[in-house]
Protein backbone atom coordinates (compact mmCIF):
# COMPACT_ATOMS: atom_id res chain seq x y z
CA MET A 1 177.36 165.45 9.47
CA LYS A 2 173.91 167.53 9.09
CA ILE A 3 172.10 164.30 8.50
CA TYR A 4 173.30 162.73 11.72
CA ILE A 5 172.27 165.49 13.82
CA LEU A 6 168.60 165.33 12.47
CA ILE A 7 168.53 161.59 12.83
CA ILE A 8 169.83 161.69 16.70
CA LEU A 9 167.47 164.77 17.23
CA ALA A 10 164.57 162.73 15.76
CA ILE A 11 165.45 159.64 17.93
CA ILE A 12 165.66 161.90 21.17
CA THR A 13 162.53 163.60 20.49
CA SER A 14 160.17 161.02 19.34
CA THR A 15 157.58 159.68 21.72
CA ALA A 16 157.27 156.05 22.79
CA ALA A 17 154.90 154.02 21.10
CA VAL A 18 152.18 152.19 23.20
CA ALA A 19 150.36 148.90 21.79
CA LYS A 20 147.06 147.90 22.99
CA VAL A 21 145.79 144.36 22.18
CA THR A 22 142.04 144.33 22.16
CA GLU A 23 139.46 141.28 22.23
CA ALA A 24 138.64 142.15 18.57
CA ASP A 25 142.48 141.75 17.65
CA VAL A 26 142.35 138.42 19.52
CA ALA A 27 139.13 137.23 17.84
CA ARG A 28 140.74 138.26 14.32
CA ASP A 29 144.02 136.56 14.89
CA ARG A 30 142.30 133.40 15.80
CA ALA A 31 139.84 133.54 13.04
CA TRP A 32 142.86 133.92 10.73
CA ALA A 33 144.90 130.90 12.48
CA ALA A 34 141.93 128.82 11.73
CA SER A 35 141.41 129.81 8.02
CA GLN A 36 145.31 128.70 7.77
CA ASN A 37 144.66 125.29 8.99
CA PRO A 38 140.79 124.16 7.77
CA SER A 39 141.31 120.67 8.88
CA VAL A 40 141.01 121.95 12.53
CA PRO A 41 137.23 123.49 13.32
CA GLN A 42 136.98 126.70 14.91
CA SER A 43 135.21 124.83 17.64
CA GLN A 44 138.15 122.62 18.35
CA ILE A 45 140.34 125.72 18.49
CA ASP A 46 137.97 127.44 20.80
CA TYR A 47 138.09 124.36 23.29
CA GLN A 48 141.78 124.28 23.31
CA TRP A 49 141.88 127.93 23.94
CA ARG A 50 139.42 127.46 27.19
CA GLU A 51 141.14 124.40 28.16
CA TYR A 52 144.81 125.72 28.01
CA ASN A 53 146.87 124.70 30.93
CA LYS A 54 144.32 122.34 32.57
CA PRO A 55 144.64 118.53 32.81
CA PRO A 56 142.90 117.07 29.63
CA ASN A 57 140.10 114.59 30.52
CA GLU A 58 139.79 111.76 27.96
CA THR A 59 136.93 109.25 27.77
CA ASP A 60 136.39 106.08 25.97
CA GLY A 61 133.04 105.55 27.07
CA LYS A 62 134.19 103.17 29.91
CA SER A 63 136.66 105.15 32.26
CA THR A 64 137.88 108.86 32.31
CA TYR A 65 141.61 109.71 31.80
CA VAL A 66 143.34 112.74 33.30
CA ARG A 67 146.96 113.34 32.45
CA TYR A 68 149.42 115.44 34.66
CA SER A 69 152.93 116.92 34.34
CA LEU A 70 155.33 118.25 36.40
CA ASN A 71 158.75 120.05 35.59
CA PRO A 72 160.38 121.28 38.54
CA PRO A 73 163.22 123.73 38.47
CA SER A 74 166.70 122.27 38.16
CA ASP A 75 168.04 120.77 41.48
CA SER A 76 164.64 120.75 43.28
CA VAL A 77 162.05 118.35 44.26
CA ARG A 78 158.39 118.76 43.69
CA SER A 79 155.06 116.89 44.36
CA LYS A 80 151.78 117.15 42.98
CA THR A 81 148.78 115.84 44.55
CA LEU A 82 146.46 113.92 41.72
CA LYS A 83 143.51 112.19 42.18
CA PRO A 84 141.89 110.25 45.27
CA THR A 85 143.03 106.56 45.69
CA SER A 86 139.30 105.52 46.34
CA THR A 87 138.04 106.31 43.05
CA TYR A 88 141.42 106.41 40.46
CA ILE A 89 144.59 104.45 39.64
CA CYS A 90 147.40 106.60 38.79
CA ALA A 91 150.80 105.70 37.09
CA LEU A 92 153.93 107.11 35.37
CA SER A 93 153.06 107.58 31.90
CA LYS A 94 156.40 109.50 30.66
CA ILE A 95 159.96 110.55 32.36
CA GLY A 96 162.90 112.51 31.37
CA GLY A 97 165.83 114.20 32.42
CA TYR A 98 169.53 114.29 32.98
CA TYR A 99 172.43 114.54 35.63
CA GLY A 100 175.43 117.07 35.62
CA ARG A 101 177.94 116.46 32.56
CA GLY A 102 175.14 115.17 30.32
CA LEU A 103 174.56 111.72 32.09
CA LYS A 104 170.88 110.51 31.93
CA GLY A 105 168.83 110.01 34.89
CA PHE A 106 165.61 109.85 35.74
CA ASP A 107 163.89 110.40 39.31
CA ALA A 108 160.17 110.50 39.08
CA ASN A 109 157.55 108.50 41.17
CA VAL A 110 153.69 108.18 41.78
CA HIS A 111 152.97 106.88 45.23
CA ASP A 112 149.98 106.30 47.59
CA SER A 113 149.98 109.18 50.26
CA GLY A 114 147.13 107.33 52.04
CA SER A 115 144.12 109.41 50.35
CA ASN A 116 145.64 110.76 47.21
CA TRP A 117 147.90 109.65 44.40
CA VAL A 118 151.11 112.01 44.60
CA LEU A 119 153.38 112.56 41.61
CA THR A 120 157.12 113.62 42.85
CA VAL A 121 159.60 114.55 40.42
CA GLY A 122 163.46 115.80 40.76
CA LYS A 123 166.29 115.51 42.79
CA ASN A 124 168.95 117.78 44.55
CA CYS A 125 172.21 116.52 42.62
CA GLY A 126 173.98 119.53 41.68
CA GLY A 127 173.22 120.12 37.86
CA CYS A 128 170.29 117.78 37.14
CA ASP A 129 166.96 118.15 35.53
CA ASN A 130 164.21 115.75 35.83
CA TRP A 131 160.27 115.92 34.36
CA GLY A 132 157.56 113.46 34.77
CA GLU A 133 154.23 112.85 33.42
CA ALA A 134 151.47 110.67 35.34
CA ILE A 135 148.06 109.23 33.86
CA CYS A 136 145.20 108.48 35.97
CA TRP A 137 141.82 106.74 35.35
CA THR A 138 139.04 105.68 37.18
CA LYS A 139 138.76 102.40 38.89
């Protein structure tokens, strides 16, 4: 019984711990991650770190490709403005989703709004979820 009281007393009187992550901690962890996979150079890891959550630009020497993705909350429709129609061509590259009760269903499109390409994904259908990706390339 005495031990239980001491444990409870220790828990009650203990102070809260506060953790602080510094840039040195991040640099150390990134260096460790790079050492675990030597086939990926540190420069590539740094590049991915800087470019996180931005549409990747890929070049094949002739044209530039830009990828976009859109995953709206369930039962909603969202649109994202892509590139200008005067200099780019855009199309759907991947789609997915489901309707209620596990039925497969997709509702995504890329259309010309007059001056820009627009990616629209989703549907108000009571228990459905849709996502889509588009790719744009220079004309």
